[in-house]
C-alpha atoms as a PDB file:
ATOM      1  CA  UNK A   1      40.079 146.867 186.481  1.00  0.00           C
ATOM      2  CA  UNK A   2      39.825 147.621 182.884  1.00  0.00           C
ATOM      3  CA  UNK A   3      35.932 147.938 183.392  1.00  0.00           C
ATOM      4  CA  UNK A   4      36.727 151.513 184.687  1.00  0.00           C
ATOM      5  CA  UNK A   5      39.022 153.001 181.728  1.00  0.00           C
ATOM      6  CA  UNK A   6      36.813 151.366 178.706  1.00  0.00           C
ATOM      7  CA  UNK A   7      34.789 149.230 179.012  1.00  0.00           C
ATOM      8  CA  UNK A   8      34.984 145.638 177.979  1.00  0.00           C
ATOM      9  CA  UNK A   9      35.985 145.717 173.627  1.00  0.00           C
ATOM     10  CA  UNK A  10      32.718 142.721 172.991  1.00  0.00           C
ATOM     11  CA  UNK A  11      30.281 144.881 175.630  1.00  0.00           C
ATOM     12  CA  UNK A  12      28.583 146.635 172.479  1.00  0.00           C
ATOM     13  CA  UNK A  13      27.768 143.566 171.206  1.00  0.00           C
ATOM     14  CA  UNK A  14      26.994 141.656 174.159  1.00  0.00           C
ATOM     15  CA  UNK A  15      25.385 144.319 176.490  1.00  0.00           C
ATOM     16  CA  UNK A  16      24.280 142.280 180.417  1.00  0.00           C
ATOM     17  CA  UNK A  17      21.424 140.508 180.354  1.00  0.00           C
ATOM     18  CA  UNK A  18      17.858 142.088 181.754  1.00  0.00           C
ATOM     19  CA  UNK A  19      18.129 139.473 184.340  1.00  0.00           C
ATOM     20  CA  UNK A  20      21.407 138.332 185.721  1.00  0.00           C
ATOM     21  CA  UNK A  21      21.205 134.722 188.234  1.00  0.00           C
ATOM     22  CA  UNK A  22      25.263 133.862 186.906  1.00  0.00           C
ATOM     23  CA  UNK A  23      25.749 137.684 188.946  1.00  0.00           C
ATOM     24  CA  UNK A  24      23.232 136.978 191.304  1.00  0.00           C
ATOM     25  CA  UNK A  25      25.223 133.453 192.747  1.00  0.00           C
ATOM     26  CA  UNK A  26      28.110 134.973 193.301  1.00  0.00           C
ATOM     27  CA  UNK A  27      27.597 137.328 194.853  1.00  0.00           C
ATOM     28  CA  UNK A  28      25.567 135.918 197.937  1.00  0.00           C
ATOM     29  CA  UNK A  29      27.347 135.067 200.941  1.00  0.00           C
ATOM     30  CA  UNK A  30      25.066 134.650 203.851  1.00  0.00           C
ATOM     31  CA  UNK A  31      22.541 131.944 204.810  1.00  0.00           C
ATOM     32  CA  UNK A  32      21.604 129.481 202.018  1.00  0.00           C
ATOM     33  CA  UNK A  33      19.038 130.918 200.110  1.00  0.00           C
ATOM     34  CA  UNK A  34      15.840 128.810 201.709  1.00  0.00           C
ATOM     35  CA  UNK A  35      16.126 130.376 204.288  1.00  0.00           C
ATOM     36  CA  UNK A  36      15.101 133.972 203.032  1.00  0.00           C
ATOM     37  CA  UNK A  37      12.790 132.252 200.031  1.00  0.00           C
ATOM     38  CA  UNK A  38       9.780 131.698 201.210  1.00  0.00           C
ATOM     39  CA  UNK A  39       9.532 134.789 203.975  1.00  0.00           C
ATOM     40  CA  UNK A  40      11.322 137.456 201.515  1.00  0.00           C
ATOM     41  CA  UNK A  41       9.970 136.397 197.954  1.00  0.00           C
ATOM     42  CA  UNK A  42      11.188 138.725 195.442  1.00  0.00           C
ATOM     43  CA  UNK A  43       8.238 140.089 193.122  1.00  0.00           C
ATOM     44  CA  UNK A  44      10.540 142.946 190.976  1.00  0.00           C
ATOM     45  CA  UNK A  45      13.725 144.962 190.930  1.00  0.00           C
ATOM     46  CA  UNK A  46      12.218 147.651 192.427  1.00  0.00           C
ATOM     47  CA  UNK A  47      10.812 145.021 194.890  1.00  0.00           C
ATOM     48  CA  UNK A  48      14.134 143.841 195.806  1.00  0.00           C
ATOM     49  CA  UNK A  49      15.950 147.277 195.954  1.00  0.00           C
ATOM     50  CA  UNK A  50      13.094 149.192 198.146  1.00  0.00           C
ATOM     51  CA  UNK A  51      12.806 145.847 200.479  1.00  0.00           C
ATOM     52  CA  UNK A  52      16.838 145.684 200.667  1.00  0.00           C
ATOM     53  CA  UNK A  53      17.545 148.994 201.846  1.00  0.00           C
ATOM     54  CA  UNK A  54      14.889 148.700 204.625  1.00  0.00           C
ATOM     55  CA  UNK A  55      16.680 145.338 205.726  1.00  0.00           C
ATOM     56  CA  UNK A  56      19.786 147.386 206.036  1.00  0.00           C
ATOM     57  CA  UNK A  57      17.832 149.946 207.921  1.00  0.00           C
ATOM     58  CA  UNK A  58      16.282 147.815 210.193  1.00  0.00           C
ATOM     59  CA  UNK A  59      20.552 146.694 210.511  1.00  0.00           C
ATOM     60  CA  UNK A  60      19.888 142.980 208.960  1.00  0.00           C
ATOM     61  CA  UNK A  61      22.676 143.251 206.004  1.00  0.00           C
ATOM     62  CA  UNK A  62      22.838 139.324 205.368  1.00  0.00           C
ATOM     63  CA  UNK A  63      19.022 139.803 204.361  1.00  0.00           C
ATOM     64  CA  UNK A  64      20.034 142.851 202.695  1.00  0.00           C
ATOM     65  CA  UNK A  65      22.008 141.415 200.757  1.00  0.00           C
ATOM     66  CA  UNK A  66      19.113 138.495 198.853  1.00  0.00           C
ATOM     67  CA  UNK A  67      17.463 140.580 198.512  1.00  0.00           C
ATOM     68  CA  UNK A  68      19.822 142.567 196.288  1.00  0.00           C
ATOM     69  CA  UNK A  69      20.558 139.595 194.686  1.00  0.00           C
ATOM     70  CA  UNK A  70      17.437 138.684 193.338  1.00  0.00           C
ATOM     71  CA  UNK A  71      16.430 142.033 192.435  1.00  0.00           C
ATOM     72  CA  UNK A  72      19.590 140.539 189.867  1.00  0.00           C
ATOM     73  CA  UNK A  73      17.747 138.257 188.429  1.00  0.00           C
ATOM     74  CA  UNK A  74      14.660 140.620 187.109  1.00  0.00           C
ATOM     75  CA  UNK A  75      17.755 143.683 186.184  1.00  0.00           C
ATOM     76  CA  UNK A  76      21.468 143.485 186.404  1.00  0.00           C
ATOM     77  CA  UNK A  77      21.012 146.307 183.443  1.00  0.00           C
ATOM     78  CA  UNK A  78      22.132 148.986 186.619  1.00  0.00           C
ATOM     79  CA  UNK A  79      25.188 149.530 188.366  1.00  0.00           C
ATOM     80  CA  UNK A  80      23.891 150.336 191.285  1.00  0.00           C
ATOM     81  CA  UNK A  81      22.831 146.634 193.243  1.00  0.00           C
ATOM     82  CA  UNK A  82      26.035 146.248 192.961  1.00  0.00           C
ATOM     83  CA  UNK A  83      27.673 149.184 194.518  1.00  0.00           C
ATOM     84  CA  UNK A  84      24.696 148.404 197.001  1.00  0.00           C
ATOM     85  CA  UNK A  85      25.741 144.702 197.826  1.00  0.00           C
ATOM     86  CA  UNK A  86      29.828 145.586 197.349  1.00  0.00           C
ATOM     87  CA  UNK A  87      29.517 148.061 199.866  1.00  0.00           C
ATOM     88  CA  UNK A  88      27.703 146.054 202.590  1.00  0.00           C
ATOM     89  CA  UNK A  89      29.978 143.255 201.897  1.00  0.00           C
ATOM     90  CA  UNK A  90      33.444 144.863 202.428  1.00  0.00           C
ATOM     91  CA  UNK A  91      31.954 146.335 205.466  1.00  0.00           C
ATOM     92  CA  UNK A  92      31.474 141.916 206.361  1.00  0.00           C
ATOM     93  CA  UNK A  93      35.168 141.969 205.530  1.00  0.00           C
ATOM     94  CA  UNK A  94      34.037 139.916 202.300  1.00  0.00           C
ATOM     95  CA  UNK A  95      37.226 141.327 200.064  1.00  0.00           C
ATOM     96  CA  UNK A  96      36.981 139.094 197.226  1.00  0.00           C
ATOM     97  CA  UNK A  97      33.007 139.205 196.734  1.00  0.00           C
ATOM     98  CA  UNK A  98      33.444 142.787 197.312  1.00  0.00           C
ATOM     99  CA  UNK A  99      35.702 142.870 194.768  1.00  0.00           C
ATOM    100  CA  UNK A 100      33.625 141.563 192.389  1.00  0.00           C
ATOM    101  CA  UNK A 101      30.878 143.900 192.836  1.00  0.00           C
ATOM    102  CA  UNK A 102      32.173 146.620 192.740  1.00  0.00           C
ATOM    103  CA  UNK A 103      33.982 145.869 189.161  1.00  0.00           C
ATOM    104  CA  UNK A 104      30.108 144.408 187.918  1.00  0.00           C
ATOM    105  CA  UNK A 105      28.869 148.411 188.964  1.00  0.00           C
ATOM    106  CA  UNK A 106      31.500 149.139 187.045  1.00  0.00           C
ATOM    107  CA  UNK A 107      30.933 146.767 183.436  1.00  0.00           C
ATOM    108  CA  UNK A 108      27.644 148.298 183.752  1.00  0.00           C
ATOM    109  CA  UNK A 109      28.684 152.123 184.075  1.00  0.00           C
ATOM    110  CA  UNK A 110      32.687 153.223 183.717  1.00  0.00           C
ATOM    111  CA  UNK A 111      32.068 156.091 185.298  1.00  0.00           C
ATOM    112  CA  UNK A 112      30.947 155.508 189.037  1.00  0.00           C
ATOM    113  CA  UNK A 113      33.367 157.765 191.181  1.00  0.00           C
ATOM    114  CA  UNK A 114      32.735 155.986 194.129  1.00  0.00           C
ATOM    115  CA  UNK A 115      32.706 152.132 192.722  1.00  0.00           C
ATOM    116  CA  UNK A 116      36.901 153.377 191.349  1.00  0.00           C
ATOM    117  CA  UNK A 117      37.980 154.566 194.426  1.00  0.00           C
ATOM    118  CA  UNK A 118      36.410 152.095 196.687  1.00  0.00           C
ATOM    119  CA  UNK A 119      37.671 149.058 194.527  1.00  0.00           C
ATOM    120  CA  UNK A 120      41.036 151.380 194.260  1.00  0.00           C
ATOM    121  CA  UNK A 121      42.180 150.390 198.137  1.00  0.00           C
ATOM    122  CA  UNK A 122      40.546 147.016 197.703  1.00  0.00           C
ATOM    123  CA  UNK A 123      42.859 146.435 194.851  1.00  0.00           C
ATOM    124  CA  UNK A 124      45.315 148.955 197.038  1.00  0.00           C
ATOM    125  CA  UNK A 125      45.068 146.129 200.043  1.00  0.00           C
ATOM    126  CA  UNK A 126      45.963 143.143 197.647  1.00  0.00           C
ATOM    127  CA  UNK A 127      48.931 144.563 196.792  1.00  0.00           C
ATOM    128  CA  UNK A 128      47.673 145.286 192.874  1.00  0.00           C
ATOM    129  CA  UNK A 129      49.407 148.835 193.181  1.00  0.00           C
ATOM    130  CA  UNK A 130      49.097 149.438 189.049  1.00  0.00           C
ATOM    131  CA  UNK A 131      45.889 148.681 188.726  1.00  0.00           C
ATOM    132  CA  UNK A 132      44.465 150.149 192.293  1.00  0.00           C
ATOM    133  CA  UNK A 133      46.413 154.029 190.666  1.00  0.00           C
ATOM    134  CA  UNK A 134      44.778 153.734 187.535  1.00  0.00           C
ATOM    135  CA  UNK A 135      41.070 153.628 189.280  1.00  0.00           C
ATOM    136  CA  UNK A 136      42.087 155.950 191.296  1.00  0.00           C
ATOM    137  CA  UNK A 137      42.766 157.923 189.249  1.00  0.00           C
ATOM    138  CA  UNK A 138      39.576 158.202 186.371  1.00  0.00           C
ATOM    139  CA  UNK A 139      37.815 158.846 189.707  1.00  0.00           C
ATOM    140  CA  UNK A 140      39.132 161.927 190.358  1.00  0.00           C
ATOM    141  CA  UNK A 141      39.380 162.416 186.893  1.00  0.00           C
ATOM    142  CA  UNK A 142      35.188 162.115 187.410  1.00  0.00           C
ATOM    143  CA  UNK A 143      35.471 163.487 190.472  1.00  0.00           C
ATOM    144  CA  UNK A 144      38.276 166.187 191.459  1.00  0.00           C
ATOM    145  CA  UNK A 145      37.294 166.255 195.564  1.00  0.00           C
ATOM    146  CA  UNK A 146      38.100 162.214 196.158  1.00  0.00           C
ATOM    147  CA  UNK A 147      40.248 162.523 199.045  1.00  0.00           C
ATOM    148  CA  UNK A 148      39.746 158.485 200.068  1.00  0.00           C
ATOM    149  CA  UNK A 149      41.539 158.889 195.884  1.00  0.00           C
ATOM    150  CA  UNK A 150      44.304 160.847 196.112  1.00  0.00           C
ATOM    151  CA  UNK A 151      45.479 159.827 199.285  1.00  0.00           C
ATOM    152  CA  UNK A 152      45.274 156.140 198.012  1.00  0.00           C
ATOM    153  CA  UNK A 153      47.841 157.849 195.043  1.00  0.00           C
ATOM    154  CA  UNK A 154      50.199 159.064 197.766  1.00  0.00           C
ATOM    155  CA  UNK A 155      50.072 155.230 199.524  1.00  0.00           C
ATOM    156  CA  UNK A 156      51.402 154.663 195.588  1.00  0.00           C
ATOM    157  CA  UNK A 157      53.706 156.656 195.509  1.00  0.00           C
ATOM    158  CA  UNK A 158      54.849 156.042 198.150  1.00  0.00           C
ATOM    159  CA  UNK A 159      55.504 152.472 197.883  1.00  0.00           C
ATOM    160  CA  UNK A 160      58.075 152.780 195.063  1.00  0.00           C
ATOM    161  CA  UNK A 161      60.255 155.878 196.840  1.00  0.00           C
ATOM    162  CA  UNK A 162      58.977 158.671 195.600  1.00  0.00           C
ATOM    163  CA  UNK A 163      58.022 160.405 198.491  1.00  0.00           C
ATOM    164  CA  UNK A 164      58.238 163.916 196.966  1.00  0.00           C
ATOM    165  CA  UNK A 165      55.445 163.029 195.133  1.00  0.00           C
ATOM    166  CA  UNK A 166      53.320 161.206 198.245  1.00  0.00           C
ATOM    167  CA  UNK A 167      53.049 164.317 199.681  1.00  0.00           C
ATOM    168  CA  UNK A 168      51.933 166.364 197.528  1.00  0.00           C
ATOM    169  CA  UNK A 169      49.148 163.735 196.595  1.00  0.00           C
ATOM    170  CA  UNK A 170      48.542 163.884 200.731  1.00  0.00           C
ATOM    171  CA  UNK A 171      48.773 167.608 200.636  1.00  0.00           C
ATOM    172  CA  UNK A 172      46.106 167.597 197.840  1.00  0.00           C
ATOM    173  CA  UNK A 173      44.014 165.645 200.155  1.00  0.00           C
ATOM    174  CA  UNK A 174      44.600 167.497 203.552  1.00  0.00           C
ATOM    175  CA  UNK A 175      43.248 170.155 200.606  1.00  0.00           C
ATOM    176  CA  UNK A 176      39.712 168.325 199.968  1.00  0.00           C
ATOM    177  CA  UNK A 177      39.298 167.560 204.057  1.00  0.00           C
ATOM    178  CA  UNK A 178      41.727 168.834 206.398  1.00  0.00           C
ATOM    179  CA  UNK A 179      40.481 167.220 209.625  1.00  0.00           C
ATOM    180  CA  UNK A 180      41.219 163.312 207.638  1.00  0.00           C
ATOM    181  CA  UNK A 181      43.563 161.506 210.603  1.00  0.00           C
ATOM    182  CA  UNK A 182      44.458 158.381 208.447  1.00  0.00           C
ATOM    183  CA  UNK A 183      46.043 161.310 205.692  1.00  0.00           C
ATOM    184  CA  UNK A 184      47.925 162.954 208.801  1.00  0.00           C
ATOM    185  CA  UNK A 185      49.145 159.912 209.201  1.00  0.00           C
ATOM    186  CA  UNK A 186      50.234 158.780 206.015  1.00  0.00           C
ATOM    187  CA  UNK A 187      52.157 162.193 205.486  1.00  0.00           C
ATOM    188  CA  UNK A 188      53.725 161.747 208.351  1.00  0.00           C
ATOM    189  CA  UNK A 189      55.437 158.827 207.818  1.00  0.00           C
ATOM    190  CA  UNK A 190      56.013 160.492 204.085  1.00  0.00           C
ATOM    191  CA  UNK A 191      58.238 163.009 205.752  1.00  0.00           C
ATOM    192  CA  UNK A 192      59.966 160.776 208.324  1.00  0.00           C
ATOM    193  CA  UNK A 193      61.719 158.578 205.370  1.00  0.00           C
ATOM    194  CA  UNK A 194      61.806 161.526 203.362  1.00  0.00           C
ATOM    195  CA  UNK A 195      64.081 162.991 206.162  1.00  0.00           C
ATOM    196  CA  UNK A 196      61.665 165.818 207.422  1.00  0.00           C
ATOM    197  CA  UNK A 197      61.664 165.525 211.506  1.00  0.00           C
ATOM    198  CA  UNK A 198      60.228 167.980 213.028  1.00  0.00           C
ATOM    199  CA  UNK A 199      57.315 167.906 210.278  1.00  0.00           C
ATOM    200  CA  UNK A 200      56.633 164.696 210.464  1.00  0.00           C
ATOM    201  CA  UNK A 201      56.604 164.604 214.048  1.00  0.00           C
ATOM    202  CA  UNK A 202      54.074 167.476 214.206  1.00  0.00           C
ATOM    203  CA  UNK A 203      51.595 165.056 210.978  1.00  0.00           C
ATOM    204  CA  UNK A 204      51.366 162.252 213.540  1.00  0.00           C
ATOM    205  CA  UNK A 205      50.695 164.374 216.580  1.00  0.00           C
ATOM    206  CA  UNK A 206      47.747 165.880 214.968  1.00  0.00           C
ATOM    207  CA  UNK A 207      47.051 162.544 213.697  1.00  0.00           C
ATOM    208  CA  UNK A 208      46.295 161.184 216.577  1.00  0.00           C
ATOM    209  CA  UNK A 209      44.751 164.459 218.205  1.00  0.00           C
ATOM    210  CA  UNK A 210      42.422 163.749 215.412  1.00  0.00           C
ATOM    211  CA  UNK A 211      41.857 159.901 216.748  1.00  0.00           C
ATOM    212  CA  UNK A 212      43.909 158.345 214.565  1.00  0.00           C
ATOM    213  CA  UNK A 213      44.219 154.246 213.675  1.00  0.00           C
ATOM    214  CA  UNK A 214      46.554 151.994 214.814  1.00  0.00           C
ATOM    215  CA  UNK A 215      50.220 152.941 213.243  1.00  0.00           C
ATOM    216  CA  UNK A 216      50.160 156.780 214.633  1.00  0.00           C
ATOM    217  CA  UNK A 217      51.807 156.366 217.194  1.00  0.00           C
ATOM    218  CA  UNK A 218      54.184 153.418 216.485  1.00  0.00           C
ATOM    219  CA  UNK A 219      55.155 156.315 213.578  1.00  0.00           C
ATOM    220  CA  UNK A 220      55.888 158.986 216.453  1.00  0.00           C
ATOM    221  CA  UNK A 221      57.844 156.680 217.913  1.00  0.00           C
ATOM    222  CA  UNK A 222      60.128 156.309 215.187  1.00  0.00           C
ATOM    223  CA  UNK A 223      60.305 159.453 214.563  1.00  0.00           C
ATOM    224  CA  UNK A 224      61.497 160.273 217.842  1.00  0.00           C
ATOM    225  CA  UNK A 225      63.907 157.439 217.741  1.00  0.00           C
ATOM    226  CA  UNK A 226      65.200 158.466 214.440  1.00  0.00           C
ATOM    227  CA  UNK A 227      65.438 162.001 216.633  1.00  0.00           C
ATOM    228  CA  UNK A 228      67.645 160.479 219.224  1.00  0.00           C
ATOM    229  CA  UNK A 229      65.182 160.682 222.099  1.00  0.00           C
ATOM    230  CA  UNK A 230      64.618 157.205 222.962  1.00  0.00           C
ATOM    231  CA  UNK A 231      62.719 157.743 226.203  1.00  0.00           C
ATOM    232  CA  UNK A 232      60.530 159.385 224.714  1.00  0.00           C
ATOM    233  CA  UNK A 233      60.292 156.866 221.421  1.00  0.00           C
ATOM    234  CA  UNK A 234      59.545 153.759 224.162  1.00  0.00           C
ATOM    235  CA  UNK A 235      56.631 155.610 225.794  1.00  0.00           C
ATOM    236  CA  UNK A 236      54.868 156.281 222.311  1.00  0.00           C
ATOM    237  CA  UNK A 237      55.691 152.715 220.861  1.00  0.00           C
ATOM    238  CA  UNK A 238      54.390 150.759 224.042  1.00  0.00           C
ATOM    239  CA  UNK A 239      51.153 152.880 223.103  1.00  0.00           C
ATOM    240  CA  UNK A 240      50.719 150.093 220.408  1.00  0.00           C
ATOM    241  CA  UNK A 241      52.924 147.577 220.976  1.00  0.00           C
ATOM    242  CA  UNK A 242      55.220 145.491 224.138  1.00  0.00           C
ATOM    243  CA  UNK A 243      57.738 145.772 225.503  1.00  0.00           C
ATOM    244  CA  UNK A 244      60.088 143.444 223.888  1.00  0.00           C
ATOM    245  CA  UNK A 245      58.969 144.649 220.094  1.00  0.00           C
ATOM    246  CA  UNK A 246      59.225 148.540 221.148  1.00  0.00           C
ATOM    247  CA  UNK A 247      63.050 147.975 222.163  1.00  0.00           C
ATOM    248  CA  UNK A 248      63.681 145.765 219.428  1.00  0.00           C
ATOM    249  CA  UNK A 249      62.279 149.201 217.112  1.00  0.00           C
ATOM    250  CA  UNK A 250      64.235 151.265 219.215  1.00  0.00           C
ATOM    251  CA  UNK A 251      67.146 148.713 218.572  1.00  0.00           C
ATOM    252  CA  UNK A 252      66.516 149.244 214.634  1.00  0.00           C
ATOM    253  CA  UNK A 253      66.495 152.671 215.160  1.00  0.00           C
ATOM    254  CA  UNK A 254      69.906 152.528 216.648  1.00  0.00           C
ATOM    255  CA  UNK A 255      71.538 151.467 214.008  1.00  0.00           C
ATOM    256  CA  UNK A 256      69.906 153.025 211.399  1.00  0.00           C
ATOM    257  CA  UNK A 257      71.504 155.966 212.491  1.00  0.00           C
ATOM    258  CA  UNK A 258      74.754 154.569 213.097  1.00  0.00           C
ATOM    259  CA  UNK A 259      74.998 153.982 216.837  1.00  0.00           C
ATOM    260  CA  UNK A 260      75.160 150.283 217.433  1.00  0.00           C
ATOM    261  CA  UNK A 261      76.445 149.898 220.993  1.00  0.00           C
ATOM    262  CA  UNK A 262      73.021 151.577 222.153  1.00  0.00           C
ATOM    263  CA  UNK A 263      71.539 149.566 219.344  1.00  0.00           C
ATOM    264  CA  UNK A 264      73.284 146.111 220.981  1.00  0.00           C
ATOM    265  CA  UNK A 265      71.325 147.616 224.854  1.00  0.00           C
ATOM    266  CA  UNK A 266      68.019 147.706 223.272  1.00  0.00           C
ATOM    267  CA  UNK A 267      68.103 144.138 221.431  1.00  0.00           C
ATOM    268  CA  UNK A 268      69.790 142.371 224.353  1.00  0.00           C
ATOM    269  CA  UNK A 269      66.805 143.911 226.455  1.00  0.00           C
ATOM    270  CA  UNK A 270      63.928 142.726 223.558  1.00  0.00           C
ATOM    271  CA  UNK A 271      65.788 139.684 223.778  1.00  0.00           C
ATOM    272  CA  UNK A 272      65.486 139.153 227.721  1.00  0.00           C
ATOM    273  CA  UNK A 273      61.743 140.873 227.853  1.00  0.00           C
ATOM    274  CA  UNK A 274      60.202 137.617 224.938  1.00  0.00           C
ATOM    275  CA  UNK A 275      63.490 135.506 225.037  1.00  0.00           C
ATOM    276  CA  UNK A 276      61.379 132.604 224.360  1.00  0.00           C
ATOM    277  CA  UNK A 277      60.217 133.429 221.088  1.00  0.00           C
ATOM    278  CA  UNK A 278      61.397 137.113 219.895  1.00  0.00           C
ATOM    279  CA  UNK A 279      63.888 135.385 216.657  1.00  0.00           C
ATOM    280  CA  UNK A 280      63.687 138.961 215.120  1.00  0.00           C
ATOM    281  CA  UNK A 281      65.403 140.742 217.912  1.00  0.00           C
ATOM    282  CA  UNK A 282      68.222 137.602 217.620  1.00  0.00           C
ATOM    283  CA  UNK A 283      68.527 139.114 214.190  1.00  0.00           C
ATOM    284  CA  UNK A 284      69.321 142.349 214.766  1.00  0.00           C
ATOM    285  CA  UNK A 285      71.599 141.479 218.267  1.00  0.00           C
ATOM    286  CA  UNK A 286      73.519 139.454 215.885  1.00  0.00           C
ATOM    287  CA  UNK A 287      74.004 142.111 213.004  1.00  0.00           C
ATOM    288  CA  UNK A 288      74.244 144.862 215.755  1.00  0.00           C
ATOM    289  CA  UNK A 289      77.292 143.224 216.588  1.00  0.00           C
ATOM    290  CA  UNK A 290      78.561 143.079 213.730  1.00  0.00           C
ATOM    291  CA  UNK A 291      78.890 146.263 212.013  1.00  0.00           C
ATOM    292  CA  UNK A 292      79.273 147.904 215.500  1.00  0.00           C
ATOM    293  CA  UNK A 293      82.295 145.429 215.278  1.00  0.00           C
ATOM    294  CA  UNK A 294      82.669 146.910 211.900  1.00  0.00           C
ATOM    295  CA  UNK A 295      82.021 150.657 212.636  1.00  0.00           C
ATOM    296  CA  UNK A 296      85.270 152.775 212.939  1.00  0.00           C
ATOM    297  CA  UNK A 297      87.402 152.705 216.246  1.00  0.00           C
ATOM    298  CA  UNK A 298      85.945 155.379 218.349  1.00  0.00           C
ATOM    299  CA  UNK A 299      88.685 157.637 220.457  1.00  0.00           C
ATOM    300  CA  UNK A 300      87.114 156.168 223.104  1.00  0.00           C
ATOM    301  CA  UNK A 301      89.820 154.187 224.114  1.00  0.00           C
ATOM    302  CA  UNK A 302      91.573 152.845 227.788  1.00  0.00           C
ATOM    303  CA  UNK A 303      94.423 151.340 229.269  1.00  0.00           C
ATOM    304  CA  UNK A 304      94.056 147.440 231.252  1.00  0.00           C
ATOM    305  CA  UNK A 305      96.050 147.460 233.904  1.00  0.00           C
ATOM    306  CA  UNK A 306      95.698 143.677 234.596  1.00  0.00           C
ATOM    307  CA  UNK A 307      95.207 140.087 232.081  1.00  0.00           C
ATOM    308  CA  UNK A 308      91.069 140.321 232.376  1.00  0.00           C
ATOM    309  CA  UNK A 309      89.221 137.333 229.792  1.00  0.00           C
ATOM    310  CA  UNK A 310      86.807 139.110 228.331  1.00  0.00           C
ATOM    311  CA  UNK A 311      83.057 137.559 228.291  1.00  0.00           C
ATOM    312  CA  UNK A 312      80.300 137.445 226.288  1.00  0.00           C
ATOM    313  CA  UNK A 313      77.343 135.672 226.498  1.00  0.00           C
ATOM    314  CA  UNK A 314      78.610 134.072 230.230  1.00  0.00           C
ATOM    315  CA  UNK A 315      81.268 132.776 228.187  1.00  0.00           C
ATOM    316  CA  UNK A 316      84.879 133.497 227.812  1.00  0.00           C
ATOM    317  CA  UNK A 317      85.930 134.290 223.727  1.00  0.00           C
ATOM    318  CA  UNK A 318      89.816 135.884 224.699  1.00  0.00           C
ATOM    319  CA  UNK A 319      92.242 137.561 227.143  1.00  0.00           C
ATOM    320  CA  UNK A 320      93.741 141.233 227.383  1.00  0.00           C
ATOM    321  CA  UNK A 321      97.011 141.825 228.972  1.00  0.00           C
ATOM    322  CA  UNK A 322      98.377 144.443 230.844  1.00  0.00           C
ATOM    323  CA  UNK A 323      98.455 147.230 229.098  1.00  0.00           C
ATOM    324  CA  UNK A 324      96.920 146.082 225.984  1.00  0.00           C
ATOM    325  CA  UNK A 325      94.875 149.254 224.419  1.00  0.00           C
ATOM    326  CA  UNK A 326      90.753 148.918 224.046  1.00  0.00           C
ATOM    327  CA  UNK A 327      87.675 150.896 222.475  1.00  0.00           C
ATOM    328  CA  UNK A 328      84.847 151.262 224.842  1.00  0.00           C
ATOM    329  CA  UNK A 329      82.244 150.842 223.902  1.00  0.00           C
ATOM    330  CA  UNK A 330      79.520 151.326 226.709  1.00  0.00           C
ATOM    331  CA  UNK A 331      79.308 150.657 230.630  1.00  0.00           C
ATOM    332  CA  UNK A 332      77.478 149.131 232.437  1.00  0.00           C
ATOM    333  CA  UNK A 333      76.594 148.272 235.968  1.00  0.00           C
ATOM    334  CA  UNK A 334      80.384 148.092 236.894  1.00  0.00           C
ATOM    335  CA  UNK A 335      80.939 146.538 233.977  1.00  0.00           C
ATOM    336  CA  UNK A 336      82.575 147.972 230.397  1.00  0.00           C
ATOM    337  CA  UNK A 337      81.834 146.646 226.128  1.00  0.00           C
ATOM    338  CA  UNK A 338      85.447 146.673 224.778  1.00  0.00           C
ATOM    339  CA  UNK A 339      86.330 145.578 221.321  1.00  0.00           C
ATOM    340  CA  UNK A 340      89.445 144.370 221.453  1.00  0.00           C
ATOM    341  CA  UNK A 341      92.071 142.930 218.875  1.00  0.00           C
ATOM    342  CA  UNK A 342      93.605 139.208 219.434  1.00  0.00           C
ATOM    343  CA  UNK A 343      96.564 137.542 219.086  1.00  0.00           C
ATOM    344  CA  UNK A 344      96.296 136.298 216.012  1.00  0.00           C
ATOM    345  CA  UNK A 345      95.045 140.864 214.709  1.00  0.00           C
ATOM    346  CA  UNK A 346      90.812 140.271 214.637  1.00  0.00           C
ATOM    347  CA  UNK A 347      88.446 142.413 216.570  1.00  0.00           C
ATOM    348  CA  UNK A 348      86.420 140.739 218.899  1.00  0.00           C
ATOM    349  CA  UNK A 349      83.279 142.219 222.205  1.00  0.00           C
ATOM    350  CA  UNK A 350      82.767 141.691 225.306  1.00  0.00           C
ATOM    351  CA  UNK A 351      82.771 142.407 229.182  1.00  0.00           C
ATOM    352  CA  UNK A 352      85.055 143.092 230.924  1.00  0.00           C
ATOM    353  CA  UNK A 353      85.074 144.694 234.882  1.00  0.00           C
ATOM    354  CA  UNK A 354      85.325 148.421 234.965  1.00  0.00           C
ATOM    355  CA  UNK A 355      87.595 148.395 237.135  1.00  0.00           C
ATOM    356  CA  UNK A 356      90.453 146.431 235.200  1.00  0.00           C
ATOM    357  CA  UNK A 357      90.626 150.005 232.636  1.00  0.00           C
ATOM    358  CA  UNK A 358      91.833 152.675 233.161  1.00  0.00           C
ATOM    359  CA  UNK A 359      92.749 156.367 231.619  1.00  0.00           C
ATOM    360  CA  UNK A 360      96.498 156.296 232.336  1.00  0.00           C
ATOM    361  CA  UNK A 361      98.700 154.766 229.581  1.00  0.00           C
END
């Protein structure tokens, strides 16, 4: 929003009109104005603002916006009506109208730190990170105590992959507002991405104790999975998602750690829990199997004691013969997942009965 840093170039030649019906018409999205116009006529800008405030206090936000908007027909030179309109639209989820109101407020007064911050947060949600960062910096220049702007700059830094800078922004936000659960959640995830797992866990648990919103338990689960604490991670993840998606996240964590056999198991569990719709786990399973196939051979190998077919997805994919040596990936319910090389020299992965294998040469 250029108006936050500098006013538009033609503002000096064309100041906002005293009354601006066009601006007013752009910012109202409630019931048709005829519903309110007869019962609630507005006589002046001050009258519209005063009665709008009263309507808002009475829990009538649509009427409040109508009255604020009507005040603009008398005086559209001050930022206050636009700020009030923007706040209500934001609360009601009317993002585009909220953005427009804040933009118009900043055209009237570029030194409105609160408007810079609120507009920056909306731009951040829209993915307009450069514009959001400029707004946050301007808000901080105007008011250094704007902890949400420091937090916003941290999110911008995270999106750019600069986790150390992000953590510094979050540190500053927490100096100003130590109990900000959202900032602790953000810093915890940033620490996780930066590899500081103990620091990440500490932040995320503090955020949860302070009532952090959705995402904190999921972030904690990812941290625990990265540490190999899969049972704890599963418990954390299932506080915010179903079991199928939780297993998929565990599989992704195991795969990131290079534990491909465990990743395969978790992706199989995810597919088993939601076989009809979980395409993401199917793709992840295929990728984990490929990485498992390409991974260096482990020291845990066994000898085949009798000719044995190898099974994958319910079908025979090959045969291991007596005295062949295979790499053991994992054992489950009397079956063993092995990596073997067929007679053409290609590597494959499949299941054989555990009784068909021996440690003896």
